[in-house]
C-alpha atoms as a PDB file:
ATOM      1  CA  MET A   1     133.260  92.345 112.015  1.00  0.00           C
ATOM      2  CA  PRO A   2     132.321  95.055 109.421  1.00  0.00           C
ATOM      3  CA  THR A   3     129.238  97.405 109.592  1.00  0.00           C
ATOM      4  CA  ILE A   4     126.298  96.471 107.640  1.00  0.00           C
ATOM      5  CA  ARG A   5     124.307  99.011 106.078  1.00  0.00           C
ATOM      6  CA  ILE A   6     120.542  99.027 106.213  1.00  0.00           C
ATOM      7  CA  ALA A   7     118.341 100.936 103.729  1.00  0.00           C
ATOM      8  CA  THR A   8     114.640 101.393 103.984  1.00  0.00           C
ATOM      9  CA  GLU A   9     112.424 101.453 101.032  1.00  0.00           C
ATOM     10  CA  ALA A  10     112.259 105.142 101.285  1.00  0.00           C
ATOM     11  CA  GLU A  11     115.896 106.038 101.033  1.00  0.00           C
ATOM     12  CA  LEU A  12     116.468 103.454  98.362  1.00  0.00           C
ATOM     13  CA  ARG A  13     113.740 105.533  96.218  1.00  0.00           C
ATOM     14  CA  ALA A  14     115.272 108.696  97.251  1.00  0.00           C
ATOM     15  CA  ALA A  15     118.674 107.015  96.330  1.00  0.00           C
ATOM     16  CA  VAL A  16     117.703 105.203  92.717  1.00  0.00           C
ATOM     17  CA  PRO A  17     115.311 106.688  90.808  1.00  0.00           C
ATOM     18  CA  LEU A  18     114.432 105.287  87.337  1.00  0.00           C
ATOM     19  CA  ASP A  19     117.098 107.401  85.299  1.00  0.00           C
ATOM     20  CA  ARG A  20     119.928 106.676  82.483  1.00  0.00           C
ATOM     21  CA  ALA A  21     122.114 105.579  84.914  1.00  0.00           C
ATOM     22  CA  ALA A  22     119.535 102.761  86.469  1.00  0.00           C
ATOM     23  CA  VAL A  23     119.282 101.513  82.698  1.00  0.00           C
ATOM     24  CA  ALA A  24     123.304 101.739  82.080  1.00  0.00           C
ATOM     25  CA  CYS A  25     123.661  99.699  85.389  1.00  0.00           C
ATOM     26  CA  VAL A  26     121.458  96.859  83.947  1.00  0.00           C
ATOM     27  CA  ALA A  27     122.760  97.161  80.445  1.00  0.00           C
ATOM     28  CA  ASP A  28     125.879  96.584  81.766  1.00  0.00           C
ATOM     29  CA  ALA A  29     124.560  93.526  83.693  1.00  0.00           C
ATOM     30  CA  PHE A  30     123.190  92.172  80.133  1.00  0.00           C
ATOM     31  CA  ARG A  31     126.919  92.575  78.688  1.00  0.00           C
ATOM     32  CA  ALA A  32     128.379  90.794  81.059  1.00  0.00           C
ATOM     33  CA  LEU A  33     125.877  87.685  81.193  1.00  0.00           C
ATOM     34  CA  ALA A  34     126.816  87.331  77.085  1.00  0.00           C
ATOM     35  CA  GLU A  35     130.769  88.145  77.830  1.00  0.00           C
ATOM     36  CA  GLY A  36     130.404  84.737  80.236  1.00  0.00           C
ATOM     37  CA  ARG A  37     131.385  87.099  83.470  1.00  0.00           C
ATOM     38  CA  VAL A  38     128.819  85.759  85.405  1.00  0.00           C
ATOM     39  CA  ARG A  39     127.865  82.997  87.750  1.00  0.00           C
ATOM     40  CA  MET A  40     124.009  82.455  88.362  1.00  0.00           C
ATOM     41  CA  PRO A  41     122.595  79.298  89.406  1.00  0.00           C
ATOM     42  CA  PRO A  42     118.675  78.655  88.505  1.00  0.00           C
ATOM     43  CA  ILE A  43     116.119  80.644  89.990  1.00  0.00           C
ATOM     44  CA  LEU A  44     114.606  78.771  93.324  1.00  0.00           C
ATOM     45  CA  ARG A  45     111.261  78.718  93.249  1.00  0.00           C
ATOM     46  CA  LEU A  46     108.503  78.589  95.591  1.00  0.00           C
ATOM     47  CA  ASP A  47     104.496  78.473  95.248  1.00  0.00           C
ATOM     48  CA  ILE A  48     101.740  78.747  97.158  1.00  0.00           C
ATOM     49  CA  PRO A  49      98.861  78.203  94.666  1.00  0.00           C
ATOM     50  CA  GLU A  50      96.152  78.653  97.404  1.00  0.00           C
ATOM     51  CA  ALA A  51      97.296  82.016  97.961  1.00  0.00           C
ATOM     52  CA  ARG A  52      97.530  82.750  94.393  1.00  0.00           C
ATOM     53  CA  GLY A  53     101.533  83.321  95.721  1.00  0.00           C
ATOM     54  CA  GLU A  54     105.106  82.846  94.269  1.00  0.00           C
ATOM     55  CA  VAL A  55     108.475  83.324  96.127  1.00  0.00           C
ATOM     56  CA  ASP A  56     111.719  83.412  93.918  1.00  0.00           C
ATOM     57  CA  VAL A  57     114.932  83.645  94.881  1.00  0.00           C
ATOM     58  CA  LYS A  58     117.762  84.749  92.532  1.00  0.00           C
ATOM     59  CA  THR A  59     121.532  85.486  92.953  1.00  0.00           C
ATOM     60  CA  ALA A  60     124.656  86.182  90.781  1.00  0.00           C
ATOM     61  CA  HIS A  61     128.118  86.976  90.924  1.00  0.00           C
ATOM     62  CA  ILE A  62     129.438  89.328  88.231  1.00  0.00           C
ATOM     63  CA  ALA A  63     133.130  88.672  87.687  1.00  0.00           C
ATOM     64  CA  GLY A  64     135.173  92.122  88.972  1.00  0.00           C
ATOM     65  CA  VAL A  65     132.197  93.025  91.232  1.00  0.00           C
ATOM     66  CA  LEU A  66     133.523  93.097  95.051  1.00  0.00           C
ATOM     67  CA  SER A  67     129.415  92.170  96.206  1.00  0.00           C
ATOM     68  CA  PHE A  68     127.030  90.106  94.667  1.00  0.00           C
ATOM     69  CA  ALA A  69     122.896  90.259  95.890  1.00  0.00           C
ATOM     70  CA  ILE A  70     120.531  87.280  97.184  1.00  0.00           C
ATOM     71  CA  LYS A  71     117.146  88.643  96.593  1.00  0.00           C
ATOM     72  CA  ILE A  72     114.216  87.556  97.741  1.00  0.00           C
ATOM     73  CA  SER A  73     111.079  88.220  96.118  1.00  0.00           C
ATOM     74  CA  PRO A  74     107.495  87.278  96.971  1.00  0.00           C
ATOM     75  CA  GLY A  75     104.798  87.846  94.680  1.00  0.00           C
ATOM     76  CA  PHE A  76     101.143  87.498  95.701  1.00  0.00           C
ATOM     77  CA  PHE A  77      98.612  88.418  92.933  1.00  0.00           C
ATOM     78  CA  ASP A  78      95.529  88.556  94.975  1.00  0.00           C
ATOM     79  CA  ASN A  79      96.835  91.116  97.173  1.00  0.00           C
ATOM     80  CA  PRO A  80      95.352  94.232  95.738  1.00  0.00           C
ATOM     81  CA  ALA A  81      92.041  93.451  96.667  1.00  0.00           C
ATOM     82  CA  LEU A  82      93.536  93.583 100.222  1.00  0.00           C
ATOM     83  CA  GLY A  83      94.630  96.493  99.250  1.00  0.00           C
ATOM     84  CA  LEU A  84      98.208  95.185  99.456  1.00  0.00           C
ATOM     85  CA  PRO A  85     100.883  95.711  96.958  1.00  0.00           C
ATOM     86  CA  SER A  86     101.474  92.078  94.584  1.00  0.00           C
ATOM     87  CA  VAL A  87     105.044  92.468  94.861  1.00  0.00           C
ATOM     88  CA  ASN A  88     107.421  92.534  97.945  1.00  0.00           C
ATOM     89  CA  GLY A  89     111.110  91.355  99.215  1.00  0.00           C
ATOM     90  CA  LEU A  90     114.380  92.531  99.947  1.00  0.00           C
ATOM     91  CA  MET A  91     117.978  91.888  98.805  1.00  0.00           C
ATOM     92  CA  THR A  92     120.721  91.426 100.555  1.00  0.00           C
ATOM     93  CA  LEU A  93     124.588  92.480  99.824  1.00  0.00           C
ATOM     94  CA  PHE A  94     127.306  90.185 100.437  1.00  0.00           C
ATOM     95  CA  SER A  95     131.387  90.871  99.898  1.00  0.00           C
ATOM     96  CA  ALA A  96     132.333  88.582  96.795  1.00  0.00           C
ATOM     97  CA  GLU A  97     136.155  88.796  98.663  1.00  0.00           C
ATOM     98  CA  THR A  98     135.113  87.471 102.235  1.00  0.00           C
ATOM     99  CA  GLY A  99     131.226  86.475 102.091  1.00  0.00           C
ATOM    100  CA  LEU A 100     130.608  88.636 104.580  1.00  0.00           C
ATOM    101  CA  LEU A 101     127.059  90.136 105.018  1.00  0.00           C
ATOM    102  CA  GLU A 102     127.467  93.991 103.635  1.00  0.00           C
ATOM    103  CA  ALA A 103     123.781  95.606 103.332  1.00  0.00           C
ATOM    104  CA  VAL A 104     119.914  94.726 104.078  1.00  0.00           C
ATOM    105  CA  LEU A 105     117.995  96.875 101.134  1.00  0.00           C
ATOM    106  CA  LEU A 106     114.431  96.601 102.777  1.00  0.00           C
ATOM    107  CA  ASP A 107     112.927  97.571  99.360  1.00  0.00           C
ATOM    108  CA  ASN A 108     109.983  95.899  99.413  1.00  0.00           C
ATOM    109  CA  GLY A 109     110.296  95.327  95.674  1.00  0.00           C
ATOM    110  CA  TYR A 110     111.326  98.725  94.621  1.00  0.00           C
ATOM    111  CA  LEU A 111     114.803  97.701  93.113  1.00  0.00           C
ATOM    112  CA  THR A 112     113.531  94.895  91.456  1.00  0.00           C
ATOM    113  CA  ASP A 113     110.725  97.314  90.142  1.00  0.00           C
ATOM    114  CA  ILE A 114     113.267  99.374  88.693  1.00  0.00           C
ATOM    115  CA  ARG A 115     115.609  96.460  87.621  1.00  0.00           C
ATOM    116  CA  THR A 116     112.947  95.368  85.418  1.00  0.00           C
ATOM    117  CA  ALA A 117     111.910  98.417  84.181  1.00  0.00           C
ATOM    118  CA  ALA A 118     115.156  99.356  83.053  1.00  0.00           C
ATOM    119  CA  ALA A 119     115.844  96.106  81.482  1.00  0.00           C
ATOM    120  CA  GLY A 120     112.622  96.761  79.578  1.00  0.00           C
ATOM    121  CA  ALA A 121     114.263 100.362  78.503  1.00  0.00           C
ATOM    122  CA  VAL A 122     117.379  98.264  77.474  1.00  0.00           C
ATOM    123  CA  ALA A 123     115.482  95.752  75.425  1.00  0.00           C
ATOM    124  CA  ALA A 124     113.699  98.608  73.564  1.00  0.00           C
ATOM    125  CA  ASP A 125     116.655 100.649  73.095  1.00  0.00           C
ATOM    126  CA  ALA A 126     118.285  97.494  71.458  1.00  0.00           C
ATOM    127  CA  LEU A 127     115.770  96.319  69.249  1.00  0.00           C
ATOM    128  CA  ALA A 128     113.055  99.056  68.560  1.00  0.00           C
ATOM    129  CA  ARG A 129     113.326 101.224  65.371  1.00  0.00           C
ATOM    130  CA  PRO A 130     114.701 104.249  66.400  1.00  0.00           C
ATOM    131  CA  ASP A 131     111.661 106.698  65.530  1.00  0.00           C
ATOM    132  CA  ALA A 132     109.645 104.601  67.842  1.00  0.00           C
ATOM    133  CA  THR A 133     106.937 107.104  69.169  1.00  0.00           C
ATOM    134  CA  ARG A 134     103.762 105.467  70.302  1.00  0.00           C
ATOM    135  CA  ALA A 135     103.686 102.747  72.906  1.00  0.00           C
ATOM    136  CA  ALA A 136     101.113  99.870  74.151  1.00  0.00           C
ATOM    137  CA  ILE A 137     101.429  99.093  77.738  1.00  0.00           C
ATOM    138  CA  ILE A 138      99.592  95.690  78.586  1.00  0.00           C
ATOM    139  CA  GLY A 139      98.664  95.979  82.406  1.00  0.00           C
ATOM    140  CA  ALA A 140      97.542  98.720  84.890  1.00  0.00           C
ATOM    141  CA  GLY A 141      99.995  97.796  87.683  1.00  0.00           C
ATOM    142  CA  ALA A 142     103.339  99.346  89.467  1.00  0.00           C
ATOM    143  CA  GLN A 143     105.235  97.602  86.563  1.00  0.00           C
ATOM    144  CA  ALA A 144     103.141  99.122  83.528  1.00  0.00           C
ATOM    145  CA  ALA A 145     103.756 102.463  84.497  1.00  0.00           C
ATOM    146  CA  LEU A 146     107.252 102.136  85.155  1.00  0.00           C
ATOM    147  CA  GLN A 147     107.786 100.492  81.745  1.00  0.00           C
ATOM    148  CA  LEU A 148     105.947 103.125  80.139  1.00  0.00           C
ATOM    149  CA  GLU A 149     108.216 105.786  81.908  1.00  0.00           C
ATOM    150  CA  ALA A 150     111.357 103.692  81.115  1.00  0.00           C
ATOM    151  CA  LEU A 151     110.458 103.730  77.127  1.00  0.00           C
ATOM    152  CA  THR A 152     110.443 107.188  77.425  1.00  0.00           C
ATOM    153  CA  LEU A 153     114.375 107.357  78.677  1.00  0.00           C
ATOM    154  CA  VAL A 154     115.101 105.847  75.306  1.00  0.00           C
ATOM    155  CA  ARG A 155     112.841 106.687  72.693  1.00  0.00           C
ATOM    156  CA  PRO A 156     110.842 109.989  71.936  1.00  0.00           C
ATOM    157  CA  ILE A 157     107.323 108.383  73.013  1.00  0.00           C
ATOM    158  CA  ALA A 158     104.933 111.023  72.143  1.00  0.00           C
ATOM    159  CA  ALA A 159     101.756 109.084  73.076  1.00  0.00           C
ATOM    160  CA  ALA A 160     100.534 105.574  74.426  1.00  0.00           C
ATOM    161  CA  THR A 161      97.398 103.082  74.978  1.00  0.00           C
ATOM    162  CA  LEU A 162      97.167 100.743  77.841  1.00  0.00           C
ATOM    163  CA  TRP A 163      94.576  97.884  78.565  1.00  0.00           C
ATOM    164  CA  ALA A 164      94.220  96.057  81.274  1.00  0.00           C
ATOM    165  CA  ARG A 165      91.434  93.458  81.900  1.00  0.00           C
ATOM    166  CA  ASP A 166      89.817  95.632  84.634  1.00  0.00           C
ATOM    167  CA  PRO A 167      88.700  98.731  82.606  1.00  0.00           C
ATOM    168  CA  ALA A 168      88.321 101.136  85.852  1.00  0.00           C
ATOM    169  CA  LYS A 169      92.057 100.431  86.110  1.00  0.00           C
ATOM    170  CA  ALA A 170      93.294 100.751  83.069  1.00  0.00           C
ATOM    171  CA  ALA A 171      91.323 104.495  82.911  1.00  0.00           C
ATOM    172  CA  ALA A 172      92.632 105.282  86.133  1.00  0.00           C
ATOM    173  CA  ALA A 173      96.507 104.172  85.555  1.00  0.00           C
ATOM    174  CA  ALA A 174      96.015 106.064  81.815  1.00  0.00           C
ATOM    175  CA  ARG A 175      94.726 109.339  83.459  1.00  0.00           C
ATOM    176  CA  ALA A 176      97.716 108.873  86.311  1.00  0.00           C
ATOM    177  CA  LEU A 177     100.380 108.297  83.215  1.00  0.00           C
ATOM    178  CA  SER A 178      98.771 111.614  81.323  1.00  0.00           C
ATOM    179  CA  ASP A 179      99.531 113.612  83.995  1.00  0.00           C
ATOM    180  CA  ARG A 180     102.831 111.888  85.158  1.00  0.00           C
ATOM    181  CA  LEU A 181     105.066 111.928  81.699  1.00  0.00           C
ATOM    182  CA  ALA A 182     102.742 114.969  80.315  1.00  0.00           C
ATOM    183  CA  ILE A 183     101.791 112.681  76.750  1.00  0.00           C
ATOM    184  CA  PRO A 184      98.411 111.345  75.820  1.00  0.00           C
ATOM    185  CA  VAL A 185      97.644 107.653  77.521  1.00  0.00           C
ATOM    186  CA  ALA A 186      94.161 106.605  76.268  1.00  0.00           C
ATOM    187  CA  ALA A 187      92.954 103.410  77.793  1.00  0.00           C
ATOM    188  CA  ALA A 188      91.980 101.044  75.040  1.00  0.00           C
ATOM    189  CA  PRO A 189      88.792  98.677  75.036  1.00  0.00           C
ATOM    190  CA  SER A 190      90.677  95.765  73.716  1.00  0.00           C
ATOM    191  CA  VAL A 191      94.142  94.468  73.251  1.00  0.00           C
ATOM    192  CA  GLU A 192      94.068  94.395  69.610  1.00  0.00           C
ATOM    193  CA  SER A 193      93.031  97.997  69.382  1.00  0.00           C
ATOM    194  CA  ALA A 194      95.822  98.976  72.245  1.00  0.00           C
ATOM    195  CA  VAL A 195      98.247  97.114  69.919  1.00  0.00           C
ATOM    196  CA  ALA A 196      97.237  98.181  66.568  1.00  0.00           C
ATOM    197  CA  GLY A 197      98.920 101.199  66.220  1.00  0.00           C
ATOM    198  CA  ALA A 198     101.921 100.570  68.801  1.00  0.00           C
ATOM    199  CA  ASP A 199     105.753 100.975  67.492  1.00  0.00           C
ATOM    200  CA  ILE A 200     106.454  99.482  70.986  1.00  0.00           C
ATOM    201  CA  VAL A 201     104.250  96.791  73.190  1.00  0.00           C
ATOM    202  CA  VAL A 202     105.146  96.097  76.610  1.00  0.00           C
ATOM    203  CA  THR A 203     103.398  93.065  78.383  1.00  0.00           C
ATOM    204  CA  THR A 204     103.411  93.756  82.281  1.00  0.00           C
ATOM    205  CA  THR A 205     100.850  91.124  83.695  1.00  0.00           C
ATOM    206  CA  PRO A 206     100.694  87.774  85.483  1.00  0.00           C
ATOM    207  CA  ALA A 207      99.106  85.877  83.001  1.00  0.00           C
ATOM    208  CA  GLU A 208      98.382  82.212  82.243  1.00  0.00           C
ATOM    209  CA  ALA A 209      96.771  82.216  78.807  1.00  0.00           C
ATOM    210  CA  PRO A 210      98.118  84.576  76.198  1.00  0.00           C
ATOM    211  CA  ILE A 211      96.615  88.110  75.588  1.00  0.00           C
ATOM    212  CA  VAL A 212      98.318  89.396  72.668  1.00  0.00           C
ATOM    213  CA  LYS A 213      98.186  87.146  69.560  1.00  0.00           C
ATOM    214  CA  SER A 214      99.872  86.361  66.727  1.00  0.00           C
ATOM    215  CA  ALA A 215      97.288  88.436  64.102  1.00  0.00           C
ATOM    216  CA  HIS A 216      97.599  91.579  66.255  1.00  0.00           C
ATOM    217  CA  LEU A 217     101.356  92.282  65.676  1.00  0.00           C
ATOM    218  CA  ARG A 218     102.018  94.477  62.848  1.00  0.00           C
ATOM    219  CA  PRO A 219     105.170  94.883  61.075  1.00  0.00           C
ATOM    220  CA  GLY A 220     108.092  97.289  62.078  1.00  0.00           C
ATOM    221  CA  GLN A 221     106.785  96.461  66.180  1.00  0.00           C
ATOM    222  CA  HIS A 222     108.782  95.849  68.766  1.00  0.00           C
ATOM    223  CA  VAL A 223     107.242  93.922  71.984  1.00  0.00           C
ATOM    224  CA  THR A 224     108.978  93.120  75.707  1.00  0.00           C
ATOM    225  CA  ALA A 225     107.397  90.476  77.181  1.00  0.00           C
ATOM    226  CA  MET A 226     107.987  90.660  80.943  1.00  0.00           C
ATOM    227  CA  GLY A 227     105.487  88.630  83.030  1.00  0.00           C
ATOM    228  CA  SER A 228     106.217  84.938  81.716  1.00  0.00           C
ATOM    229  CA  ASP A 229     109.057  84.387  84.555  1.00  0.00           C
ATOM    230  CA  ALA A 230     107.161  81.185  85.693  1.00  0.00           C
ATOM    231  CA  GLU A 231     106.511  78.005  83.772  1.00  0.00           C
ATOM    232  CA  HIS A 232     102.653  78.501  83.694  1.00  0.00           C
ATOM    233  CA  LYS A 233     102.443  82.334  82.924  1.00  0.00           C
ATOM    234  CA  THR A 234     102.104  83.045  79.446  1.00  0.00           C
ATOM    235  CA  GLU A 235     101.393  86.545  77.662  1.00  0.00           C
ATOM    236  CA  ILE A 236     101.887  86.168  73.747  1.00  0.00           C
ATOM    237  CA  ASP A 237     100.310  83.540  71.393  1.00  0.00           C
ATOM    238  CA  PRO A 238     103.169  80.802  70.807  1.00  0.00           C
ATOM    239  CA  GLN A 239     102.412  81.396  67.446  1.00  0.00           C
ATOM    240  CA  ALA A 240     103.580  84.722  67.200  1.00  0.00           C
ATOM    241  CA  LEU A 241     107.546  83.065  67.982  1.00  0.00           C
ATOM    242  CA  ALA A 242     107.083  81.135  64.543  1.00  0.00           C
ATOM    243  CA  ARG A 243     106.408  83.789  62.357  1.00  0.00           C
ATOM    244  CA  ALA A 244     109.353  84.030  59.758  1.00  0.00           C
ATOM    245  CA  ASP A 245     109.163  88.202  60.017  1.00  0.00           C
ATOM    246  CA  LEU A 246     110.121  88.143  64.062  1.00  0.00           C
ATOM    247  CA  LEU A 247     113.165  88.027  65.628  1.00  0.00           C
ATOM    248  CA  TYR A 248     113.153  86.658  69.116  1.00  0.00           C
ATOM    249  CA  VAL A 249     115.436  87.518  71.698  1.00  0.00           C
ATOM    250  CA  ALA A 250     115.763  86.357  75.259  1.00  0.00           C
ATOM    251  CA  ASP A 251     117.503  88.002  78.698  1.00  0.00           C
ATOM    252  CA  SER A 252     118.978  84.313  79.023  1.00  0.00           C
ATOM    253  CA  LEU A 253     118.000  81.634  76.695  1.00  0.00           C
ATOM    254  CA  ALA A 254     118.594  79.264  79.652  1.00  0.00           C
ATOM    255  CA  GLN A 255     115.560  80.696  81.487  1.00  0.00           C
ATOM    256  CA  THR A 256     113.218  81.434  78.580  1.00  0.00           C
ATOM    257  CA  ARG A 257     113.382  77.792  77.502  1.00  0.00           C
ATOM    258  CA  ARG A 258     112.176  76.947  80.815  1.00  0.00           C
ATOM    259  CA  LEU A 259     109.867  79.833  81.972  1.00  0.00           C
ATOM    260  CA  GLY A 260     109.711  82.390  79.484  1.00  0.00           C
ATOM    261  CA  GLU A 261     107.398  82.974  76.216  1.00  0.00           C
ATOM    262  CA  LEU A 262     109.606  80.512  74.109  1.00  0.00           C
ATOM    263  CA  ASN A 263     108.686  77.576  76.942  1.00  0.00           C
ATOM    264  CA  HIS A 264     105.389  77.430  75.356  1.00  0.00           C
ATOM    265  CA  ALA A 265     106.043  77.696  71.964  1.00  0.00           C
ATOM    266  CA  VAL A 266     108.625  74.915  72.230  1.00  0.00           C
ATOM    267  CA  ALA A 267     105.622  72.750  74.573  1.00  0.00           C
ATOM    268  CA  ALA A 268     103.444  73.649  71.395  1.00  0.00           C
ATOM    269  CA  GLY A 269     105.822  71.963  68.997  1.00  0.00           C
ATOM    270  CA  LEU A 270     105.952  75.354  67.321  1.00  0.00           C
ATOM    271  CA  VAL A 271     109.882  75.799  67.823  1.00  0.00           C
ATOM    272  CA  GLY A 272     112.404  73.211  68.298  1.00  0.00           C
ATOM    273  CA  ALA A 273     114.054  72.354  72.179  1.00  0.00           C
ATOM    274  CA  ASP A 274     117.220  73.020  70.691  1.00  0.00           C
ATOM    275  CA  ALA A 275     116.321  76.114  68.563  1.00  0.00           C
ATOM    276  CA  ALA A 276     119.459  78.930  68.760  1.00  0.00           C
ATOM    277  CA  PHE A 277     118.169  82.379  69.569  1.00  0.00           C
ATOM    278  CA  PRO A 278     120.286  85.228  70.490  1.00  0.00           C
ATOM    279  CA  GLU A 279     120.620  86.783  73.570  1.00  0.00           C
ATOM    280  CA  LEU A 280     120.172  90.874  75.026  1.00  0.00           C
ATOM    281  CA  GLY A 281     123.448  90.910  75.963  1.00  0.00           C
ATOM    282  CA  ALA A 282     124.813  89.479  72.718  1.00  0.00           C
ATOM    283  CA  VAL A 283     122.866  92.023  70.735  1.00  0.00           C
ATOM    284  CA  LEU A 284     124.224  94.684  72.912  1.00  0.00           C
ATOM    285  CA  THR A 285     127.911  93.324  72.475  1.00  0.00           C
ATOM    286  CA  GLY A 286     127.473  92.838  68.687  1.00  0.00           C
ATOM    287  CA  ALA A 287     128.071  89.395  69.063  1.00  0.00           C
ATOM    288  CA  ALA A 288     124.454  88.726  67.578  1.00  0.00           C
ATOM    289  CA  PRO A 289     122.251  91.357  65.232  1.00  0.00           C
ATOM    290  CA  GLY A 290     119.450  92.641  66.534  1.00  0.00           C
ATOM    291  CA  ARG A 291     116.844  94.387  63.986  1.00  0.00           C
ATOM    292  CA  THR A 292     117.723  94.493  60.662  1.00  0.00           C
ATOM    293  CA  ASP A 293     114.787  95.697  58.728  1.00  0.00           C
ATOM    294  CA  PRO A 294     112.189  98.311  59.779  1.00  0.00           C
ATOM    295  CA  ALA A 295     109.677  96.035  59.044  1.00  0.00           C
ATOM    296  CA  GLN A 296     110.862  93.222  60.742  1.00  0.00           C
ATOM    297  CA  ILE A 297     109.231  92.437  64.574  1.00  0.00           C
ATOM    298  CA  THR A 298     111.114  91.933  67.152  1.00  0.00           C
ATOM    299  CA  LEU A 299     110.271  90.245  70.540  1.00  0.00           C
ATOM    300  CA  CYS A 300     112.237  90.276  73.751  1.00  0.00           C
ATOM    301  CA  ASP A 301     111.620  87.697  76.510  1.00  0.00           C
ATOM    302  CA  LEU A 302     112.627  89.130  79.837  1.00  0.00           C
ATOM    303  CA  THR A 303     112.117  86.624  82.662  1.00  0.00           C
ATOM    304  CA  GLY A 304     114.599  88.592  85.228  1.00  0.00           C
ATOM    305  CA  THR A 305     117.892  87.218  85.712  1.00  0.00           C
ATOM    306  CA  GLY A 306     120.143  87.339  89.189  1.00  0.00           C
ATOM    307  CA  ALA A 307     123.114  89.107  87.207  1.00  0.00           C
ATOM    308  CA  GLN A 308     120.223  92.187  86.798  1.00  0.00           C
ATOM    309  CA  ASP A 309     119.837  91.958  90.827  1.00  0.00           C
ATOM    310  CA  THR A 310     123.440  92.296  91.138  1.00  0.00           C
ATOM    311  CA  ALA A 311     123.704  95.063  89.433  1.00  0.00           C
ATOM    312  CA  ILE A 312     120.937  96.811  90.731  1.00  0.00           C
ATOM    313  CA  ALA A 313     122.026  96.359  94.420  1.00  0.00           C
ATOM    314  CA  THR A 314     125.327  97.063  94.109  1.00  0.00           C
ATOM    315  CA  PHE A 315     124.452 100.233  92.518  1.00  0.00           C
ATOM    316  CA  ALA A 316     122.144 100.959  95.122  1.00  0.00           C
ATOM    317  CA  LEU A 317     124.689 100.626  97.877  1.00  0.00           C
ATOM    318  CA  ARG A 318     126.961 102.923  96.069  1.00  0.00           C
ATOM    319  CA  ARG A 319     124.307 105.873  96.040  1.00  0.00           C
ATOM    320  CA  LEU A 320     123.227 105.068  99.519  1.00  0.00           C
ATOM    321  CA  ALA A 321     126.886 105.463 100.796  1.00  0.00           C
ATOM    322  CA  ALA A 322     127.432 108.525  98.366  1.00  0.00           C
ATOM    323  CA  ALA A 323     123.869 110.269 100.162  1.00  0.00           C
ATOM    324  CA  GLY A 324     125.009 109.179 103.162  1.00  0.00           C
ATOM    325  CA  ALA A 325     122.079 107.399 103.755  1.00  0.00           C
ATOM    326  CA  GLY A 326     121.330 104.140 105.609  1.00  0.00           C
ATOM    327  CA  ALA A 327     121.511 103.056 108.878  1.00  0.00           C
ATOM    328  CA  PRO A 328     124.912 101.471 110.026  1.00  0.00           C
ATOM    329  CA  PHE A 329     124.486  98.654 111.973  1.00  0.00           C
ATOM    330  CA  GLU A 330     127.150  96.988 114.153  1.00  0.00           C
ATOM    331  CA  THR A 331     127.082  93.071 114.354  1.00  0.00           C
END
């Protein structure tokens, strides 16, 4: 039997930082989706509402990639009150040639955080104005920080605002990000004030009612919505998706019709259930247009795909092997 590589979160953090290579890896996964090179079943989902918990299982095979990942990702959103992270989990890698287990990546959700932030960078790079310099982040958790860091990889971000329901958490997160990224980050008193002067808006919450209203959005802005990854979640006013000046882009249209922001616009009768929209991968390959006017508003609905998980897991395994990291285990 082959040797299995087992890696800890610490080893994965050392091997897979949020950098341009990680962003390129995730961009390639979006291109593969657009080119029909991905086999990806629907997300398997388990809800545990009494603990405000959810568990997603995602997988995909990308043609030409010799391994495929199966990811188990629990999110328990009352955990911070217990001093615990909201998200954890692990990824497993199997050979796409034999089906044998190749690696167990005990990342506690770290690789999901990286690929999600990288997807935000891909979306902004494809759709935001090239001269975008100001960001607004909605949320104050780990993903909020990573999304802002990811934006600095693809745009010359010079300042940011941040809003969260808890003003103390927002202020603490803003201070930490100012120090970490060496740019001014200010806590905003309201969503409207946070969004008002931004070129790029990123929503990073598990909200179940819209936070960003259609009236908040201004010409020329780009919005990345990455919190609505379940049927009951929504961060963006459905009215926004019906605006004539807004270009809507999905990570996977099949998914966003079911559990993204698009799902809620369809349910509200604002968008047709079979309305056609471009996917991010098609914008990247040139098969669909992206932003066509500096004054246009663009919105990318990121629900997270198994293709991204296979991409980041195989990328991580290559990085681990190159560094000689991870413990070999003989079955």
